[in-house]
Amino acid sequence: MRIVSSTGEMAYEGRVEFRNNGLWGSACGVGMNGYAARVICRMLKYNDGRLINTDSKEKVCANFRGQNFCGPAP
């Protein structure tokens, strides 16, 4: 598990990714909620974490703080 920036570098905020069979994939839209975000961040040794609003019909990750944090298309 890791958190990456919009450029794919390790970061303290951004997109959560998991490695499965040697491939990294985004956790966006896979049952993520505020509780899961807090648990993941604590597992990564952060004090806390939060999930950016995903109720919007637009991809929030596509324009978060002026950058695109969305993972590659499947």
PDB file of N, CA and C in Angstrom:
ATOM      1  N   MET A   1       0.842  -1.155   0.000  1.00  0.00           N
ATOM      2  CA  MET A   1       0.000   0.000   0.000  1.00  0.00           C
ATOM      3  C   MET A   1       0.898   1.231   0.000  1.00  0.00           C
ATOM      4  N   ARG A   2       0.451   2.294  -0.725  1.00  0.00           N
ATOM      5  CA  ARG A   2       1.215   3.527  -0.739  1.00  0.00           C
ATOM      6  C   ARG A   2       0.291   4.680  -1.126  1.00  0.00           C
ATOM      7  N   ILE A   3       0.759   5.898  -0.839  1.00  0.00           N
ATOM      8  CA  ILE A   3       0.078   7.109  -1.269  1.00  0.00           C
ATOM      9  C   ILE A   3       1.011   7.801  -2.239  1.00  0.00           C
ATOM     10  N   VAL A   4       0.485   8.164  -3.409  1.00  0.00           N
ATOM     11  CA  VAL A   4       1.324   8.787  -4.435  1.00  0.00           C
ATOM     12  C   VAL A   4       0.762  10.145  -4.859  1.00  0.00           C
ATOM     13  N   SER A   5       1.670  10.994  -5.305  1.00  0.00           N
ATOM     14  CA  SER A   5       1.296  12.331  -5.781  1.00  0.00           C
ATOM     15  C   SER A   5       0.742  12.245  -7.199  1.00  0.00           C
ATOM     16  N   SER A   6       0.402  13.405  -7.741  1.00  0.00           N
ATOM     17  CA  SER A   6      -0.119  13.440  -9.110  1.00  0.00           C
ATOM     18  C   SER A   6       0.925  13.011 -10.131  1.00  0.00           C
ATOM     19  N   THR A   7       2.210  13.055  -9.744  1.00  0.00           N
ATOM     20  CA  THR A   7       3.279  12.628 -10.652  1.00  0.00           C
ATOM     21  C   THR A   7       3.717  11.193 -10.388  1.00  0.00           C
ATOM     22  N   GLY A   8       3.033  10.506  -9.461  1.00  0.00           N
ATOM     23  CA  GLY A   8       3.344   9.112  -9.185  1.00  0.00           C
ATOM     24  C   GLY A   8       4.449   8.901  -8.167  1.00  0.00           C
ATOM     25  N   GLU A   9       4.866   9.976  -7.490  1.00  0.00           N
ATOM     26  CA  GLU A   9       5.908   9.852  -6.471  1.00  0.00           C
ATOM     27  C   GLU A   9       5.275   9.643  -5.105  1.00  0.00           C
ATOM     28  N   MET A  10       6.008   9.008  -4.199  1.00  0.00           N
ATOM     29  CA  MET A  10       5.527   8.806  -2.838  1.00  0.00           C
ATOM     30  C   MET A  10       5.193  10.159  -2.228  1.00  0.00           C
ATOM     31  N   ALA A  11       4.067  10.237  -1.485  1.00  0.00           N
ATOM     32  CA  ALA A  11       3.610  11.507  -0.952  1.00  0.00           C
ATOM     33  C   ALA A  11       2.817  11.293   0.337  1.00  0.00           C
ATOM     34  N   TYR A  12       2.520  12.380   1.028  1.00  0.00           N
ATOM     35  CA  TYR A  12       1.692  12.299   2.223  1.00  0.00           C
ATOM     36  C   TYR A  12       0.221  12.566   1.913  1.00  0.00           C
ATOM     37  N   GLU A  13      -0.085  13.010   0.694  1.00  0.00           N
ATOM     38  CA  GLU A  13      -1.471  13.152   0.264  1.00  0.00           C
ATOM     39  C   GLU A  13      -1.543  12.818  -1.217  1.00  0.00           C
ATOM     40  N   GLY A  14      -2.688  12.279  -1.611  1.00  0.00           N
ATOM     41  CA  GLY A  14      -2.851  11.914  -3.008  1.00  0.00           C
ATOM     42  C   GLY A  14      -3.691  10.678  -3.156  1.00  0.00           C
ATOM     43  N   ARG A  15      -3.309   9.842  -4.066  1.00  0.00           N
ATOM     44  CA  ARG A  15      -4.064   8.640  -4.427  1.00  0.00           C
ATOM     45  C   ARG A  15      -3.513   7.434  -3.669  1.00  0.00           C
ATOM     46  N   VAL A  16      -4.414   6.617  -3.125  1.00  0.00           N
ATOM     47  CA  VAL A  16      -4.022   5.373  -2.460  1.00  0.00           C
ATOM     48  C   VAL A  16      -3.903   4.284  -3.513  1.00  0.00           C
ATOM     49  N   GLU A  17      -2.801   3.570  -3.478  1.00  0.00           N
ATOM     50  CA  GLU A  17      -2.595   2.454  -4.405  1.00  0.00           C
ATOM     51  C   GLU A  17      -2.228   1.193  -3.629  1.00  0.00           C
ATOM     52  N   PHE A  18      -2.632   0.065  -4.174  1.00  0.00           N
ATOM     53  CA  PHE A  18      -2.291  -1.249  -3.626  1.00  0.00           C
ATOM     54  C   PHE A  18      -1.540  -2.039  -4.689  1.00  0.00           C
ATOM     55  N   ARG A  19      -0.623  -2.885  -4.246  1.00  0.00           N
ATOM     56  CA  ARG A  19       0.091  -3.743  -5.193  1.00  0.00           C
ATOM     57  C   ARG A  19      -0.519  -5.136  -5.125  1.00  0.00           C
ATOM     58  N   ASN A  20      -0.852  -5.660  -6.284  1.00  0.00           N
ATOM     59  CA  ASN A  20      -1.428  -6.993  -6.399  1.00  0.00           C
ATOM     60  C   ASN A  20      -0.718  -7.714  -7.532  1.00  0.00           C
ATOM     61  N   ASN A  21      -0.113  -8.837  -7.225  1.00  0.00           N
ATOM     62  CA  ASN A  21       0.640  -9.610  -8.219  1.00  0.00           C
ATOM     63  C   ASN A  21       1.682  -8.756  -8.938  1.00  0.00           C
ATOM     64  N   GLY A  22       2.339  -7.880  -8.183  1.00  0.00           N
ATOM     65  CA  GLY A  22       3.417  -7.064  -8.728  1.00  0.00           C
ATOM     66  C   GLY A  22       2.982  -5.813  -9.470  1.00  0.00           C
ATOM     67  N   LEU A  23       1.663  -5.572  -9.570  1.00  0.00           N
ATOM     68  CA  LEU A  23       1.158  -4.393 -10.278  1.00  0.00           C
ATOM     69  C   LEU A  23       0.467  -3.445  -9.302  1.00  0.00           C
ATOM     70  N   TRP A  24       0.752  -2.141  -9.438  1.00  0.00           N
ATOM     71  CA  TRP A  24       0.112  -1.133  -8.601  1.00  0.00           C
ATOM     72  C   TRP A  24      -1.201  -0.702  -9.242  1.00  0.00           C
ATOM     73  N   GLY A  25      -2.256  -0.583  -8.428  1.00  0.00           N
ATOM     74  CA  GLY A  25      -3.550  -0.114  -8.908  1.00  0.00           C
ATOM     75  C   GLY A  25      -4.182   0.826  -7.908  1.00  0.00           C
ATOM     76  N   SER A  26      -4.996   1.730  -8.381  1.00  0.00           N
ATOM     77  CA  SER A  26      -5.651   2.735  -7.554  1.00  0.00           C
ATOM     78  C   SER A  26      -6.803   2.127  -6.766  1.00  0.00           C
ATOM     79  N   ALA A  27      -6.988   2.642  -5.551  1.00  0.00           N
ATOM     80  CA  ALA A  27      -8.099   2.184  -4.713  1.00  0.00           C
ATOM     81  C   ALA A  27      -9.340   3.037  -4.902  1.00  0.00           C
ATOM     82  N   CYS A  28      -9.291   4.050  -5.758  1.00  0.00           N
ATOM     83  CA  CYS A  28     -10.433   4.944  -5.969  1.00  0.00           C
ATOM     84  C   CYS A  28     -11.660   4.158  -6.414  1.00  0.00           C
ATOM     85  N   GLY A  29     -12.801   4.456  -5.786  1.00  0.00           N
ATOM     86  CA  GLY A  29     -14.064   3.869  -6.219  1.00  0.00           C
ATOM     87  C   GLY A  29     -14.227   2.407  -5.896  1.00  0.00           C
ATOM     88  N   VAL A  30     -13.388   1.858  -5.020  1.00  0.00           N
ATOM     89  CA  VAL A  30     -13.491   0.440  -4.674  1.00  0.00           C
ATOM     90  C   VAL A  30     -13.946   0.342  -3.221  1.00  0.00           C
ATOM     91  N   GLY A  31     -15.136   0.857  -2.938  1.00  0.00           N
ATOM     92  CA  GLY A  31     -15.683   0.812  -1.592  1.00  0.00           C
ATOM     93  C   GLY A  31     -14.969   1.717  -0.604  1.00  0.00           C
ATOM     94  N   MET A  32     -14.288   2.722  -1.097  1.00  0.00           N
ATOM     95  CA  MET A  32     -13.586   3.635  -0.205  1.00  0.00           C
ATOM     96  C   MET A  32     -14.585   4.539   0.506  1.00  0.00           C
ATOM     97  N   ASN A  33     -14.310   4.806   1.768  1.00  0.00           N
ATOM     98  CA  ASN A  33     -15.106   5.748   2.543  1.00  0.00           C
ATOM     99  C   ASN A  33     -14.180   6.407   3.565  1.00  0.00           C
ATOM    100  N   GLY A  34     -14.717   7.311   4.354  1.00  0.00           N
ATOM    101  CA  GLY A  34     -13.904   8.031   5.320  1.00  0.00           C
ATOM    102  C   GLY A  34     -13.231   7.122   6.332  1.00  0.00           C
ATOM    103  N   TYR A  35     -13.948   6.096   6.794  1.00  0.00           N
ATOM    104  CA  TYR A  35     -13.369   5.160   7.749  1.00  0.00           C
ATOM    105  C   TYR A  35     -12.185   4.420   7.132  1.00  0.00           C
ATOM    106  N   ALA A  36     -12.357   3.935   5.907  1.00  0.00           N
ATOM    107  CA  ALA A  36     -11.273   3.215   5.224  1.00  0.00           C
ATOM    108  C   ALA A  36     -10.063   4.116   5.033  1.00  0.00           C
ATOM    109  N   ALA A  37     -10.306   5.383   4.692  1.00  0.00           N
ATOM    110  CA  ALA A  37      -9.196   6.327   4.504  1.00  0.00           C
ATOM    111  C   ALA A  37      -8.407   6.498   5.801  1.00  0.00           C
ATOM    112  N   ARG A  38      -9.116   6.636   6.917  1.00  0.00           N
ATOM    113  CA  ARG A  38      -8.431   6.778   8.211  1.00  0.00           C
ATOM    114  C   ARG A  38      -7.623   5.530   8.554  1.00  0.00           C
ATOM    115  N   VAL A  39      -8.207   4.365   8.336  1.00  0.00           N
ATOM    116  CA  VAL A  39      -7.509   3.107   8.640  1.00  0.00           C
ATOM    117  C   VAL A  39      -6.263   2.960   7.771  1.00  0.00           C
ATOM    118  N   ILE A  40      -6.391   3.213   6.480  1.00  0.00           N
ATOM    119  CA  ILE A  40      -5.249   3.099   5.571  1.00  0.00           C
ATOM    120  C   ILE A  40      -4.141   4.057   5.984  1.00  0.00           C
ATOM    121  N   CYS A  41      -4.506   5.294   6.256  1.00  0.00           N
ATOM    122  CA  CYS A  41      -3.484   6.276   6.642  1.00  0.00           C
ATOM    123  C   CYS A  41      -2.800   5.886   7.945  1.00  0.00           C
ATOM    124  N   ARG A  42      -3.548   5.374   8.888  1.00  0.00           N
ATOM    125  CA  ARG A  42      -2.936   4.924  10.149  1.00  0.00           C
ATOM    126  C   ARG A  42      -2.022   3.728   9.910  1.00  0.00           C
ATOM    127  N   MET A  43      -2.403   2.847   9.002  1.00  0.00           N
ATOM    128  CA  MET A  43      -1.540   1.704   8.677  1.00  0.00           C
ATOM    129  C   MET A  43      -0.229   2.169   8.061  1.00  0.00           C
ATOM    130  N   LEU A  44      -0.289   3.316   7.367  1.00  0.00           N
ATOM    131  CA  LEU A  44       0.911   3.882   6.752  1.00  0.00           C
ATOM    132  C   LEU A  44       1.660   4.807   7.714  1.00  0.00           C
ATOM    133  N   LYS A  45       1.272   4.763   9.005  1.00  0.00           N
ATOM    134  CA  LYS A  45       1.942   5.504  10.086  1.00  0.00           C
ATOM    135  C   LYS A  45       1.630   6.993  10.109  1.00  0.00           C
ATOM    136  N   TYR A  46       0.520   7.423   9.474  1.00  0.00           N
ATOM    137  CA  TYR A  46       0.050   8.798   9.607  1.00  0.00           C
ATOM    138  C   TYR A  46      -0.877   8.863  10.811  1.00  0.00           C
ATOM    139  N   ASN A  47      -1.008  10.037  11.425  1.00  0.00           N
ATOM    140  CA  ASN A  47      -1.888  10.197  12.582  1.00  0.00           C
ATOM    141  C   ASN A  47      -3.352  10.038  12.228  1.00  0.00           C
ATOM    142  N   ASP A  48      -3.726  10.463  11.044  1.00  0.00           N
ATOM    143  CA  ASP A  48      -5.121  10.416  10.628  1.00  0.00           C
ATOM    144  C   ASP A  48      -5.185  10.528   9.106  1.00  0.00           C
ATOM    145  N   GLY A  49      -6.355  10.435   8.567  1.00  0.00           N
ATOM    146  CA  GLY A  49      -6.542  10.580   7.129  1.00  0.00           C
ATOM    147  C   GLY A  49      -7.984  10.900   6.828  1.00  0.00           C
ATOM    148  N   ARG A  50      -8.234  11.353   5.626  1.00  0.00           N
ATOM    149  CA  ARG A  50      -9.615  11.629   5.222  1.00  0.00           C
ATOM    150  C   ARG A  50      -9.757  11.364   3.735  1.00  0.00           C
ATOM    151  N   LEU A  51     -10.978  11.139   3.341  1.00  0.00           N
ATOM    152  CA  LEU A  51     -11.311  10.889   1.946  1.00  0.00           C
ATOM    153  C   LEU A  51     -11.910  12.158   1.368  1.00  0.00           C
ATOM    154  N   ILE A  52     -11.416  12.596   0.233  1.00  0.00           N
ATOM    155  CA  ILE A  52     -11.996  13.743  -0.455  1.00  0.00           C
ATOM    156  C   ILE A  52     -13.369  13.335  -0.977  1.00  0.00           C
ATOM    157  N   ASN A  53     -14.322  14.219  -0.950  1.00  0.00           N
ATOM    158  CA  ASN A  53     -15.705  13.944  -1.350  1.00  0.00           C
ATOM    159  C   ASN A  53     -15.771  13.206  -2.685  1.00  0.00           C
ATOM    160  N   THR A  54     -16.309  12.001  -2.649  1.00  0.00           N
ATOM    161  CA  THR A  54     -16.461  11.216  -3.880  1.00  0.00           C
ATOM    162  C   THR A  54     -17.921  11.130  -4.309  1.00  0.00           C
ATOM    163  N   ASP A  55     -18.812  11.887  -3.634  1.00  0.00           N
ATOM    164  CA  ASP A  55     -20.233  11.869  -4.008  1.00  0.00           C
ATOM    165  C   ASP A  55     -20.487  12.637  -5.295  1.00  0.00           C
ATOM    166  N   SER A  56     -19.537  13.457  -5.685  1.00  0.00           N
ATOM    167  CA  SER A  56     -19.685  14.263  -6.903  1.00  0.00           C
ATOM    168  C   SER A  56     -19.685  13.352  -8.130  1.00  0.00           C
ATOM    169  N   LYS A  57     -20.401  13.752  -9.153  1.00  0.00           N
ATOM    170  CA  LYS A  57     -20.414  12.978 -10.397  1.00  0.00           C
ATOM    171  C   LYS A  57     -19.133  13.196 -11.187  1.00  0.00           C
ATOM    172  N   GLU A  58     -18.376  14.234 -10.832  1.00  0.00           N
ATOM    173  CA  GLU A  58     -17.104  14.488 -11.495  1.00  0.00           C
ATOM    174  C   GLU A  58     -16.001  13.773 -10.731  1.00  0.00           C
ATOM    175  N   LYS A  59     -14.925  13.475 -11.414  1.00  0.00           N
ATOM    176  CA  LYS A  59     -13.784  12.847 -10.753  1.00  0.00           C
ATOM    177  C   LYS A  59     -13.052  13.899  -9.932  1.00  0.00           C
ATOM    178  N   VAL A  60     -13.208  13.843  -8.615  1.00  0.00           N
ATOM    179  CA  VAL A  60     -12.554  14.799  -7.732  1.00  0.00           C
ATOM    180  C   VAL A  60     -11.042  14.710  -7.904  1.00  0.00           C
ATOM    181  N   CYS A  61     -10.528  13.513  -8.091  1.00  0.00           N
ATOM    182  CA  CYS A  61      -9.074  13.343  -8.209  1.00  0.00           C
ATOM    183  C   CYS A  61      -8.512  14.008  -9.465  1.00  0.00           C
ATOM    184  N   ALA A  62      -9.374  14.269 -10.450  1.00  0.00           N
ATOM    185  CA  ALA A  62      -8.897  14.876 -11.698  1.00  0.00           C
ATOM    186  C   ALA A  62      -8.504  16.335 -11.517  1.00  0.00           C
ATOM    187  N   ASN A  63      -9.020  16.974 -10.484  1.00  0.00           N
ATOM    188  CA  ASN A  63      -8.648  18.357 -10.232  1.00  0.00           C
ATOM    189  C   ASN A  63      -8.606  18.614  -8.733  1.00  0.00           C
ATOM    190  N   PHE A  64      -7.653  18.011  -8.070  1.00  0.00           N
ATOM    191  CA  PHE A  64      -7.446  18.213  -6.646  1.00  0.00           C
ATOM    192  C   PHE A  64      -6.233  19.112  -6.474  1.00  0.00           C
ATOM    193  N   ARG A  65      -6.477  20.299  -5.935  1.00  0.00           N
ATOM    194  CA  ARG A  65      -5.415  21.294  -5.768  1.00  0.00           C
ATOM    195  C   ARG A  65      -4.720  21.600  -7.096  1.00  0.00           C
ATOM    196  N   GLY A  66      -5.524  21.600  -8.162  1.00  0.00           N
ATOM    197  CA  GLY A  66      -5.014  21.974  -9.482  1.00  0.00           C
ATOM    198  C   GLY A  66      -4.212  20.899 -10.186  1.00  0.00           C
ATOM    199  N   GLN A  67      -4.209  19.671  -9.648  1.00  0.00           N
ATOM    200  CA  GLN A  67      -3.453  18.588 -10.278  1.00  0.00           C
ATOM    201  C   GLN A  67      -4.338  17.362 -10.470  1.00  0.00           C
ATOM    202  N   ASN A  68      -3.930  16.464 -11.338  1.00  0.00           N
ATOM    203  CA  ASN A  68      -4.671  15.246 -11.628  1.00  0.00           C
ATOM    204  C   ASN A  68      -4.062  14.097 -10.838  1.00  0.00           C
ATOM    205  N   PHE A  69      -4.808  13.606  -9.842  1.00  0.00           N
ATOM    206  CA  PHE A  69      -4.353  12.501  -9.014  1.00  0.00           C
ATOM    207  C   PHE A  69      -4.979  11.174  -9.428  1.00  0.00           C
ATOM    208  N   CYS A  70      -5.785  11.173 -10.503  1.00  0.00           N
ATOM    209  CA  CYS A  70      -6.440   9.931 -10.938  1.00  0.00           C
ATOM    210  C   CYS A  70      -5.403   8.920 -11.428  1.00  0.00           C
ATOM    211  N   GLY A  71      -5.670   7.676 -11.118  1.00  0.00           N
ATOM    212  CA  GLY A  71      -4.799   6.609 -11.596  1.00  0.00           C
ATOM    213  C   GLY A  71      -5.032   6.327 -13.068  1.00  0.00           C
ATOM    214  N   PRO A  72      -4.190   5.492 -13.643  1.00  0.00           N
ATOM    215  CA  PRO A  72      -4.369   5.147 -15.057  1.00  0.00           C
ATOM    216  C   PRO A  72      -5.674   4.395 -15.276  1.00  0.00           C
ATOM    217  N   ALA A  73      -6.250   4.568 -16.441  1.00  0.00           N
ATOM    218  CA  ALA A  73      -7.495   3.872 -16.780  1.00  0.00           C
ATOM    219  C   ALA A  73      -7.246   2.381 -16.839  1.00  0.00           C
ATOM    220  N   PRO A  74      -8.249   1.589 -16.391  1.00  0.00           N
ATOM    221  CA  PRO A  74      -8.075   0.112 -16.421  1.00  0.00           C
ATOM    222  C   PRO A  74      -8.033  -0.426 -17.831  1.00  0.00           C
TER     223      PRO A  74
END
